[in-house]
Amino acid sequence: GRTYIASVKEENAGPTNNWIDPVE
């Protein structure tokens, strides 16, 4: 729940990952 894939675009992380905007 605290593990993130901070790809530039949210769609590139996909539904199996937690995404956060990398800049934020």
mmCIF file of all heavy atoms, coordinates in Angstrom:
data_MODEL
# 
_entry.id   MODEL 
# 
loop_
_atom_site.group_PDB 
_atom_site.id 
_atom_site.type_symbol 
_atom_site.label_atom_id 
_atom_site.label_alt_id 
_atom_site.label_comp_id 
_atom_site.label_asym_id 
_atom_site.label_entity_id 
_atom_site.label_seq_id 
_atom_site.pdbx_PDB_ins_code 
_atom_site.Cartn_x 
_atom_site.Cartn_y 
_atom_site.Cartn_z 
_atom_site.occupancy 
_atom_site.B_iso_or_equiv 
_atom_site.pdbx_formal_charge 
_atom_site.auth_seq_id 
_atom_site.auth_comp_id 
_atom_site.auth_asym_id 
_atom_site.auth_atom_id 
_atom_site.pdbx_PDB_model_num 
ATOM 1   N N   . GLY A 1 1  ? 0.805  -1.221 0.000   1.00 0.00 ? 1  GLY A N   1 
ATOM 2   C CA  . GLY A 1 1  ? 0.000  0.000  0.000   1.00 0.00 ? 1  GLY A CA  1 
ATOM 3   C C   . GLY A 1 1  ? 0.837  1.271  0.000   1.00 0.00 ? 1  GLY A C   1 
ATOM 4   O O   . GLY A 1 1  ? 0.341  2.349  -0.327  1.00 0.00 ? 1  GLY A O   1 
ATOM 5   N N   . ARG A 1 2  ? 2.115  1.157  0.357   1.00 0.00 ? 2  ARG A N   1 
ATOM 6   C CA  . ARG A 1 2  ? 3.021  2.313  0.381   1.00 0.00 ? 2  ARG A CA  1 
ATOM 7   C C   . ARG A 1 2  ? 4.087  2.208  -0.708  1.00 0.00 ? 2  ARG A C   1 
ATOM 8   O O   . ARG A 1 2  ? 5.107  2.888  -0.664  1.00 0.00 ? 2  ARG A O   1 
ATOM 9   C CB  . ARG A 1 2  ? 3.707  2.435  1.760   1.00 0.00 ? 2  ARG A CB  1 
ATOM 10  C CG  . ARG A 1 2  ? 2.782  2.430  2.960   1.00 0.00 ? 2  ARG A CG  1 
ATOM 11  C CD  . ARG A 1 2  ? 1.888  3.630  3.042   1.00 0.00 ? 2  ARG A CD  1 
ATOM 12  N NE  . ARG A 1 2  ? 2.613  4.893  3.080   1.00 0.00 ? 2  ARG A NE  1 
ATOM 13  C CZ  . ARG A 1 2  ? 2.034  6.093  2.937   1.00 0.00 ? 2  ARG A CZ  1 
ATOM 14  N NH1 . ARG A 1 2  ? 0.726  6.175  2.740   1.00 0.00 ? 2  ARG A NH1 1 
ATOM 15  N NH2 . ARG A 1 2  ? 2.755  7.195  2.968   1.00 0.00 ? 2  ARG A NH2 1 
ATOM 16  N N   . THR A 1 3  ? 3.856  1.322  -1.683  1.00 0.00 ? 3  THR A N   1 
ATOM 17  C CA  . THR A 1 3  ? 4.806  1.110  -2.780  1.00 0.00 ? 3  THR A CA  1 
ATOM 18  C C   . THR A 1 3  ? 4.242  1.733  -4.048  1.00 0.00 ? 3  THR A C   1 
ATOM 19  O O   . THR A 1 3  ? 3.091  1.485  -4.401  1.00 0.00 ? 3  THR A O   1 
ATOM 20  C CB  . THR A 1 3  ? 5.043  -0.410 -2.988  1.00 0.00 ? 3  THR A CB  1 
ATOM 21  O OG1 . THR A 1 3  ? 5.554  -0.967 -1.776  1.00 0.00 ? 3  THR A OG1 1 
ATOM 22  C CG2 . THR A 1 3  ? 6.034  -0.668 -4.107  1.00 0.00 ? 3  THR A CG2 1 
ATOM 23  N N   . TYR A 1 4  ? 5.036  2.551  -4.729  1.00 0.00 ? 4  TYR A N   1 
ATOM 24  C CA  . TYR A 1 4  ? 4.524  3.353  -5.838  1.00 0.00 ? 4  TYR A CA  1 
ATOM 25  C C   . TYR A 1 4  ? 5.353  3.183  -7.113  1.00 0.00 ? 4  TYR A C   1 
ATOM 26  O O   . TYR A 1 4  ? 6.573  3.037  -7.058  1.00 0.00 ? 4  TYR A O   1 
ATOM 27  C CB  . TYR A 1 4  ? 4.525  4.847  -5.449  1.00 0.00 ? 4  TYR A CB  1 
ATOM 28  C CG  . TYR A 1 4  ? 3.694  5.112  -4.228  1.00 0.00 ? 4  TYR A CG  1 
ATOM 29  C CD1 . TYR A 1 4  ? 4.283  5.170  -2.961  1.00 0.00 ? 4  TYR A CD1 1 
ATOM 30  C CD2 . TYR A 1 4  ? 2.303  5.252  -4.315  1.00 0.00 ? 4  TYR A CD2 1 
ATOM 31  C CE1 . TYR A 1 4  ? 3.513  5.378  -1.821  1.00 0.00 ? 4  TYR A CE1 1 
ATOM 32  C CE2 . TYR A 1 4  ? 1.535  5.462  -3.182  1.00 0.00 ? 4  TYR A CE2 1 
ATOM 33  C CZ  . TYR A 1 4  ? 2.137  5.524  -1.935  1.00 0.00 ? 4  TYR A CZ  1 
ATOM 34  O OH  . TYR A 1 4  ? 1.371  5.715  -0.819  1.00 0.00 ? 4  TYR A OH  1 
ATOM 35  N N   . ILE A 1 5  ? 4.641  3.195  -8.243  1.00 0.00 ? 5  ILE A N   1 
ATOM 36  C CA  . ILE A 1 5  ? 5.285  3.336  -9.550  1.00 0.00 ? 5  ILE A CA  1 
ATOM 37  C C   . ILE A 1 5  ? 4.958  4.757  -10.017 1.00 0.00 ? 5  ILE A C   1 
ATOM 38  O O   . ILE A 1 5  ? 3.827  5.057  -10.401 1.00 0.00 ? 5  ILE A O   1 
ATOM 39  C CB  . ILE A 1 5  ? 4.757  2.295  -10.568 1.00 0.00 ? 5  ILE A CB  1 
ATOM 40  C CG1 . ILE A 1 5  ? 5.036  0.865  -10.080 1.00 0.00 ? 5  ILE A CG1 1 
ATOM 41  C CG2 . ILE A 1 5  ? 5.371  2.550  -11.946 1.00 0.00 ? 5  ILE A CG2 1 
ATOM 42  C CD1 . ILE A 1 5  ? 6.499  0.473  -9.994  1.00 0.00 ? 5  ILE A CD1 1 
ATOM 43  N N   . ALA A 1 6  ? 5.962  5.636  -9.940  1.00 0.00 ? 6  ALA A N   1 
ATOM 44  C CA  . ALA A 1 6  ? 5.740  7.047  -10.260 1.00 0.00 ? 6  ALA A CA  1 
ATOM 45  C C   . ALA A 1 6  ? 6.180  7.316  -11.703 1.00 0.00 ? 6  ALA A C   1 
ATOM 46  O O   . ALA A 1 6  ? 7.148  8.036  -11.952 1.00 0.00 ? 6  ALA A O   1 
ATOM 47  C CB  . ALA A 1 6  ? 6.496  7.931  -9.270  1.00 0.00 ? 6  ALA A CB  1 
ATOM 48  N N   . SER A 1 7  ? 5.452  6.685  -12.627 1.00 0.00 ? 7  SER A N   1 
ATOM 49  C CA  . SER A 1 7  ? 5.721  6.947  -14.046 1.00 0.00 ? 7  SER A CA  1 
ATOM 50  C C   . SER A 1 7  ? 5.212  8.350  -14.394 1.00 0.00 ? 7  SER A C   1 
ATOM 51  O O   . SER A 1 7  ? 4.347  8.891  -13.701 1.00 0.00 ? 7  SER A O   1 
ATOM 52  C CB  . SER A 1 7  ? 5.050  5.894  -14.922 1.00 0.00 ? 7  SER A CB  1 
ATOM 53  O OG  . SER A 1 7  ? 3.696  5.715  -14.541 1.00 0.00 ? 7  SER A OG  1 
ATOM 54  N N   . VAL A 1 8  ? 5.762  8.936  -15.473 1.00 0.00 ? 8  VAL A N   1 
ATOM 55  C CA  . VAL A 1 8  ? 5.378  10.301 -15.856 1.00 0.00 ? 8  VAL A CA  1 
ATOM 56  C C   . VAL A 1 8  ? 3.873  10.365 -16.124 1.00 0.00 ? 8  VAL A C   1 
ATOM 57  O O   . VAL A 1 8  ? 3.183  11.278 -15.671 1.00 0.00 ? 8  VAL A O   1 
ATOM 58  C CB  . VAL A 1 8  ? 6.182  10.770 -17.087 1.00 0.00 ? 8  VAL A CB  1 
ATOM 59  C CG1 . VAL A 1 8  ? 5.674  12.121 -17.579 1.00 0.00 ? 8  VAL A CG1 1 
ATOM 60  C CG2 . VAL A 1 8  ? 7.672  10.868 -16.735 1.00 0.00 ? 8  VAL A CG2 1 
ATOM 61  N N   . LYS A 1 9  ? 3.342  9.360  -16.860 1.00 0.00 ? 9  LYS A N   1 
ATOM 62  C CA  . LYS A 1 9  ? 1.904  9.307  -17.126 1.00 0.00 ? 9  LYS A CA  1 
ATOM 63  C C   . LYS A 1 9  ? 1.262  8.210  -16.276 1.00 0.00 ? 9  LYS A C   1 
ATOM 64  O O   . LYS A 1 9  ? 1.777  7.096  -16.199 1.00 0.00 ? 9  LYS A O   1 
ATOM 65  C CB  . LYS A 1 9  ? 1.642  8.992  -18.604 1.00 0.00 ? 9  LYS A CB  1 
ATOM 66  C CG  . LYS A 1 9  ? 2.039  10.100 -19.563 1.00 0.00 ? 9  LYS A CG  1 
ATOM 67  C CD  . LYS A 1 9  ? 1.719  9.677  -20.985 1.00 0.00 ? 9  LYS A CD  1 
ATOM 68  C CE  . LYS A 1 9  ? 2.111  10.771 -21.963 1.00 0.00 ? 9  LYS A CE  1 
ATOM 69  N NZ  . LYS A 1 9  ? 2.058  10.281 -23.349 1.00 0.00 ? 9  LYS A NZ  1 
ATOM 70  N N   . GLU A 1 10 ? 0.113  8.504  -15.681 1.00 0.00 ? 10 GLU A N   1 
ATOM 71  C CA  . GLU A 1 10 ? -0.578 7.538  -14.827 1.00 0.00 ? 10 GLU A CA  1 
ATOM 72  C C   . GLU A 1 10 ? -0.918 6.260  -15.596 1.00 0.00 ? 10 GLU A C   1 
ATOM 73  O O   . GLU A 1 10 ? -0.817 5.156  -15.058 1.00 0.00 ? 10 GLU A O   1 
ATOM 74  C CB  . GLU A 1 10 ? -1.861 8.160  -14.261 1.00 0.00 ? 10 GLU A CB  1 
ATOM 75  C CG  . GLU A 1 10 ? -2.588 7.232  -13.308 1.00 0.00 ? 10 GLU A CG  1 
ATOM 76  C CD  . GLU A 1 10 ? -3.793 7.879  -12.631 1.00 0.00 ? 10 GLU A CD  1 
ATOM 77  O OE1 . GLU A 1 10 ? -4.075 9.062  -12.903 1.00 0.00 ? 10 GLU A OE1 1 
ATOM 78  O OE2 . GLU A 1 10 ? -4.435 7.187  -11.829 1.00 0.00 ? 10 GLU A OE2 1 
ATOM 79  N N   . GLU A 1 11 ? -1.313 6.423  -16.895 1.00 0.00 ? 11 GLU A N   1 
ATOM 80  C CA  . GLU A 1 11 ? -1.736 5.248  -17.674 1.00 0.00 ? 11 GLU A CA  1 
ATOM 81  C C   . GLU A 1 11 ? -0.597 4.239  -17.849 1.00 0.00 ? 11 GLU A C   1 
ATOM 82  O O   . GLU A 1 11 ? -0.833 3.057  -18.068 1.00 0.00 ? 11 GLU A O   1 
ATOM 83  C CB  . GLU A 1 11 ? -2.241 5.685  -19.055 1.00 0.00 ? 11 GLU A CB  1 
ATOM 84  C CG  . GLU A 1 11 ? -1.153 6.236  -19.958 1.00 0.00 ? 11 GLU A CG  1 
ATOM 85  C CD  . GLU A 1 11 ? -1.675 7.071  -21.122 1.00 0.00 ? 11 GLU A CD  1 
ATOM 86  O OE1 . GLU A 1 11 ? -2.407 8.045  -20.882 1.00 0.00 ? 11 GLU A OE1 1 
ATOM 87  O OE2 . GLU A 1 11 ? -1.348 6.728  -22.260 1.00 0.00 ? 11 GLU A OE2 1 
ATOM 88  N N   . ASN A 1 12 ? 0.670  4.705  -17.709 1.00 0.00 ? 12 ASN A N   1 
ATOM 89  C CA  . ASN A 1 12 ? 1.801  3.790  -17.874 1.00 0.00 ? 12 ASN A CA  1 
ATOM 90  C C   . ASN A 1 12 ? 2.046  2.918  -16.641 1.00 0.00 ? 12 ASN A C   1 
ATOM 91  O O   . ASN A 1 12 ? 2.780  1.934  -16.711 1.00 0.00 ? 12 ASN A O   1 
ATOM 92  C CB  . ASN A 1 12 ? 3.081  4.557  -18.228 1.00 0.00 ? 12 ASN A CB  1 
ATOM 93  C CG  . ASN A 1 12 ? 2.993  5.159  -19.615 1.00 0.00 ? 12 ASN A CG  1 
ATOM 94  O OD1 . ASN A 1 12 ? 2.185  4.726  -20.428 1.00 0.00 ? 12 ASN A OD1 1 
ATOM 95  N ND2 . ASN A 1 12 ? 3.803  6.169  -19.888 1.00 0.00 ? 12 ASN A ND2 1 
ATOM 96  N N   . ALA A 1 13 ? 1.439  3.279  -15.507 1.00 0.00 ? 13 ALA A N   1 
ATOM 97  C CA  . ALA A 1 13 ? 1.562  2.442  -14.303 1.00 0.00 ? 13 ALA A CA  1 
ATOM 98  C C   . ALA A 1 13 ? 0.559  1.291  -14.348 1.00 0.00 ? 13 ALA A C   1 
ATOM 99  O O   . ALA A 1 13 ? 0.842  0.193  -13.892 1.00 0.00 ? 13 ALA A O   1 
ATOM 100 C CB  . ALA A 1 13 ? 1.353  3.282  -13.048 1.00 0.00 ? 13 ALA A CB  1 
ATOM 101 N N   . GLY A 1 14 ? -0.609 1.549  -14.905 1.00 0.00 ? 14 GLY A N   1 
ATOM 102 C CA  . GLY A 1 14 ? -1.605 0.485  -15.072 1.00 0.00 ? 14 GLY A CA  1 
ATOM 103 C C   . GLY A 1 14 ? -2.353 0.143  -13.798 1.00 0.00 ? 14 GLY A C   1 
ATOM 104 O O   . GLY A 1 14 ? -2.042 0.645  -12.704 1.00 0.00 ? 14 GLY A O   1 
ATOM 105 N N   . PRO A 1 15 ? -3.339 -0.757 -13.910 1.00 0.00 ? 15 PRO A N   1 
ATOM 106 C CA  . PRO A 1 15 ? -4.249 -1.030 -12.794 1.00 0.00 ? 15 PRO A CA  1 
ATOM 107 C C   . PRO A 1 15 ? -3.666 -1.891 -11.670 1.00 0.00 ? 15 PRO A C   1 
ATOM 108 O O   . PRO A 1 15 ? -4.268 -2.004 -10.618 1.00 0.00 ? 15 PRO A O   1 
ATOM 109 C CB  . PRO A 1 15 ? -5.412 -1.777 -13.469 1.00 0.00 ? 15 PRO A CB  1 
ATOM 110 C CG  . PRO A 1 15 ? -4.810 -2.406 -14.682 1.00 0.00 ? 15 PRO A CG  1 
ATOM 111 C CD  . PRO A 1 15 ? -3.727 -1.475 -15.138 1.00 0.00 ? 15 PRO A CD  1 
ATOM 112 N N   . THR A 1 16 ? -2.476 -2.480 -11.874 1.00 0.00 ? 16 THR A N   1 
ATOM 113 C CA  . THR A 1 16 ? -1.918 -3.332 -10.812 1.00 0.00 ? 16 THR A CA  1 
ATOM 114 C C   . THR A 1 16 ? -0.977 -2.556 -9.886  1.00 0.00 ? 16 THR A C   1 
ATOM 115 O O   . THR A 1 16 ? -0.455 -3.121 -8.925  1.00 0.00 ? 16 THR A O   1 
ATOM 116 C CB  . THR A 1 16 ? -1.145 -4.528 -11.420 1.00 0.00 ? 16 THR A CB  1 
ATOM 117 O OG1 . THR A 1 16 ? -0.110 -4.018 -12.280 1.00 0.00 ? 16 THR A OG1 1 
ATOM 118 C CG2 . THR A 1 16 ? -2.071 -5.438 -12.218 1.00 0.00 ? 16 THR A CG2 1 
ATOM 119 N N   . ASN A 1 17 ? -0.729 -1.266 -10.193 1.00 0.00 ? 17 ASN A N   1 
ATOM 120 C CA  . ASN A 1 17 ? 0.223  -0.477 -9.395  1.00 0.00 ? 17 ASN A CA  1 
ATOM 121 C C   . ASN A 1 17 ? -0.437 0.726  -8.737  1.00 0.00 ? 17 ASN A C   1 
ATOM 122 O O   . ASN A 1 17 ? -1.446 1.231  -9.224  1.00 0.00 ? 17 ASN A O   1 
ATOM 123 C CB  . ASN A 1 17 ? 1.367  0.019  -10.299 1.00 0.00 ? 17 ASN A CB  1 
ATOM 124 C CG  . ASN A 1 17 ? 2.308  -1.090 -10.715 1.00 0.00 ? 17 ASN A CG  1 
ATOM 125 O OD1 . ASN A 1 17 ? 2.775  -1.849 -9.876  1.00 0.00 ? 17 ASN A OD1 1 
ATOM 126 N ND2 . ASN A 1 17 ? 2.591  -1.204 -12.005 1.00 0.00 ? 17 ASN A ND2 1 
ATOM 127 N N   . ASN A 1 18 ? 0.165  1.181  -7.628  1.00 0.00 ? 18 ASN A N   1 
ATOM 128 C CA  . ASN A 1 18 ? -0.209 2.475  -7.038  1.00 0.00 ? 18 ASN A CA  1 
ATOM 129 C C   . ASN A 1 18 ? 0.587  3.547  -7.771  1.00 0.00 ? 18 ASN A C   1 
ATOM 130 O O   . ASN A 1 18 ? 1.812  3.442  -7.871  1.00 0.00 ? 18 ASN A O   1 
ATOM 131 C CB  . ASN A 1 18 ? 0.174  2.534  -5.552  1.00 0.00 ? 18 ASN A CB  1 
ATOM 132 C CG  . ASN A 1 18 ? -0.577 1.526  -4.727  1.00 0.00 ? 18 ASN A CG  1 
ATOM 133 O OD1 . ASN A 1 18 ? -1.752 1.290  -4.960  1.00 0.00 ? 18 ASN A OD1 1 
ATOM 134 N ND2 . ASN A 1 18 ? 0.094  0.905  -3.763  1.00 0.00 ? 18 ASN A ND2 1 
ATOM 135 N N   . TRP A 1 19 ? -0.105 4.566  -8.268  1.00 0.00 ? 19 TRP A N   1 
ATOM 136 C CA  . TRP A 1 19 ? 0.576  5.636  -8.996  1.00 0.00 ? 19 TRP A CA  1 
ATOM 137 C C   . TRP A 1 19 ? 0.484  6.938  -8.227  1.00 0.00 ? 19 TRP A C   1 
ATOM 138 O O   . TRP A 1 19 ? -0.541 7.252  -7.618  1.00 0.00 ? 19 TRP A O   1 
ATOM 139 C CB  . TRP A 1 19 ? -0.055 5.821  -10.389 1.00 0.00 ? 19 TRP A CB  1 
ATOM 140 C CG  . TRP A 1 19 ? 0.588  6.926  -11.188 1.00 0.00 ? 19 TRP A CG  1 
ATOM 141 C CD1 . TRP A 1 19 ? 1.729  6.838  -11.941 1.00 0.00 ? 19 TRP A CD1 1 
ATOM 142 C CD2 . TRP A 1 19 ? 0.146  8.284  -11.313 1.00 0.00 ? 19 TRP A CD2 1 
ATOM 143 N NE1 . TRP A 1 19 ? 2.022  8.052  -12.526 1.00 0.00 ? 19 TRP A NE1 1 
ATOM 144 C CE2 . TRP A 1 19 ? 1.063  8.966  -12.157 1.00 0.00 ? 19 TRP A CE2 1 
ATOM 145 C CE3 . TRP A 1 19 ? -0.940 8.998  -10.796 1.00 0.00 ? 19 TRP A CE3 1 
ATOM 146 C CZ2 . TRP A 1 19 ? 0.935  10.314 -12.495 1.00 0.00 ? 19 TRP A CZ2 1 
ATOM 147 C CZ3 . TRP A 1 19 ? -1.070 10.350 -11.122 1.00 0.00 ? 19 TRP A CZ3 1 
ATOM 148 C CH2 . TRP A 1 19 ? -0.138 10.993 -11.964 1.00 0.00 ? 19 TRP A CH2 1 
ATOM 149 N N   . ILE A 1 20 ? 1.579  7.691  -8.225  1.00 0.00 ? 20 ILE A N   1 
ATOM 150 C CA  . ILE A 1 20 ? 1.568  9.082  -7.758  1.00 0.00 ? 20 ILE A CA  1 
ATOM 151 C C   . ILE A 1 20 ? 2.361  9.883  -8.785  1.00 0.00 ? 20 ILE A C   1 
ATOM 152 O O   . ILE A 1 20 ? 3.356  9.385  -9.328  1.00 0.00 ? 20 ILE A O   1 
ATOM 153 C CB  . ILE A 1 20 ? 2.252  9.250  -6.375  1.00 0.00 ? 20 ILE A CB  1 
ATOM 154 C CG1 . ILE A 1 20 ? 1.517  8.484  -5.275  1.00 0.00 ? 20 ILE A CG1 1 
ATOM 155 C CG2 . ILE A 1 20 ? 2.299  10.717 -5.976  1.00 0.00 ? 20 ILE A CG2 1 
ATOM 156 C CD1 . ILE A 1 20 ? 2.076  8.744  -3.870  1.00 0.00 ? 20 ILE A CD1 1 
ATOM 157 N N   . ASP A 1 21 ? 1.948  11.104 -9.016  1.00 0.00 ? 21 ASP A N   1 
ATOM 158 C CA  . ASP A 1 21 ? 2.682  11.979 -9.922  1.00 0.00 ? 21 ASP A CA  1 
ATOM 159 C C   . ASP A 1 21 ? 4.125  12.111 -9.414  1.00 0.00 ? 21 ASP A C   1 
ATOM 160 O O   . ASP A 1 21 ? 4.350  12.446 -8.243  1.00 0.00 ? 21 ASP A O   1 
ATOM 161 C CB  . ASP A 1 21 ? 2.010  13.357 -9.950  1.00 0.00 ? 21 ASP A CB  1 
ATOM 162 C CG  . ASP A 1 21 ? 2.810  14.340 -10.773 1.00 0.00 ? 21 ASP A CG  1 
ATOM 163 O OD1 . ASP A 1 21 ? 2.750  14.256 -12.017 1.00 0.00 ? 21 ASP A OD1 1 
ATOM 164 O OD2 . ASP A 1 21 ? 3.534  15.160 -10.174 1.00 0.00 ? 21 ASP A OD2 1 
ATOM 165 N N   . PRO A 1 22 ? 5.137  11.834 -10.278 1.00 0.00 ? 22 PRO A N   1 
ATOM 166 C CA  . PRO A 1 22 ? 6.523  11.839 -9.808  1.00 0.00 ? 22 PRO A CA  1 
ATOM 167 C C   . PRO A 1 22 ? 6.990  13.178 -9.256  1.00 0.00 ? 22 PRO A C   1 
ATOM 168 O O   . PRO A 1 22 ? 7.769  13.218 -8.296  1.00 0.00 ? 22 PRO A O   1 
ATOM 169 C CB  . PRO A 1 22 ? 7.339  11.435 -11.048 1.00 0.00 ? 22 PRO A CB  1 
ATOM 170 C CG  . PRO A 1 22 ? 6.419  11.566 -12.224 1.00 0.00 ? 22 PRO A CG  1 
ATOM 171 C CD  . PRO A 1 22 ? 5.027  11.419 -11.698 1.00 0.00 ? 22 PRO A CD  1 
ATOM 172 N N   . VAL A 1 23 ? 6.510  14.281 -9.832  1.00 0.00 ? 23 VAL A N   1 
ATOM 173 C CA  . VAL A 1 23 ? 6.914  15.607 -9.330  1.00 0.00 ? 23 VAL A CA  1 
ATOM 174 C C   . VAL A 1 23 ? 6.388  15.820 -7.913  1.00 0.00 ? 23 VAL A C   1 
ATOM 175 O O   . VAL A 1 23 ? 7.113  16.235 -7.004  1.00 0.00 ? 23 VAL A O   1 
ATOM 176 C CB  . VAL A 1 23 ? 6.413  16.725 -10.287 1.00 0.00 ? 23 VAL A CB  1 
ATOM 177 C CG1 . VAL A 1 23 ? 6.767  18.100 -9.721  1.00 0.00 ? 23 VAL A CG1 1 
ATOM 178 C CG2 . VAL A 1 23 ? 7.004  16.537 -11.685 1.00 0.00 ? 23 VAL A CG2 1 
ATOM 179 N N   . GLU A 1 24 ? 5.115  15.462 -7.717  1.00 0.00 ? 24 GLU A N   1 
ATOM 180 C CA  . GLU A 1 24 ? 4.482  15.604 -6.397  1.00 0.00 ? 24 GLU A CA  1 
ATOM 181 C C   . GLU A 1 24 ? 5.163  14.681 -5.371  1.00 0.00 ? 24 GLU A C   1 
ATOM 182 O O   . GLU A 1 24 ? 5.451  15.080 -4.232  1.00 0.00 ? 24 GLU A O   1 
ATOM 183 C CB  . GLU A 1 24 ? 2.992  15.238 -6.532  1.00 0.00 ? 24 GLU A CB  1 
ATOM 184 C CG  . GLU A 1 24 ? 2.185  15.375 -5.258  1.00 0.00 ? 24 GLU A CG  1 
ATOM 185 C CD  . GLU A 1 24 ? 0.805  14.707 -5.383  1.00 0.00 ? 24 GLU A CD  1 
ATOM 186 O OE1 . GLU A 1 24 ? 0.253  14.670 -6.491  1.00 0.00 ? 24 GLU A OE1 1 
ATOM 187 O OE2 . GLU A 1 24 ? 0.312  14.220 -4.353  1.00 0.00 ? 24 GLU A OE2 1 
# 
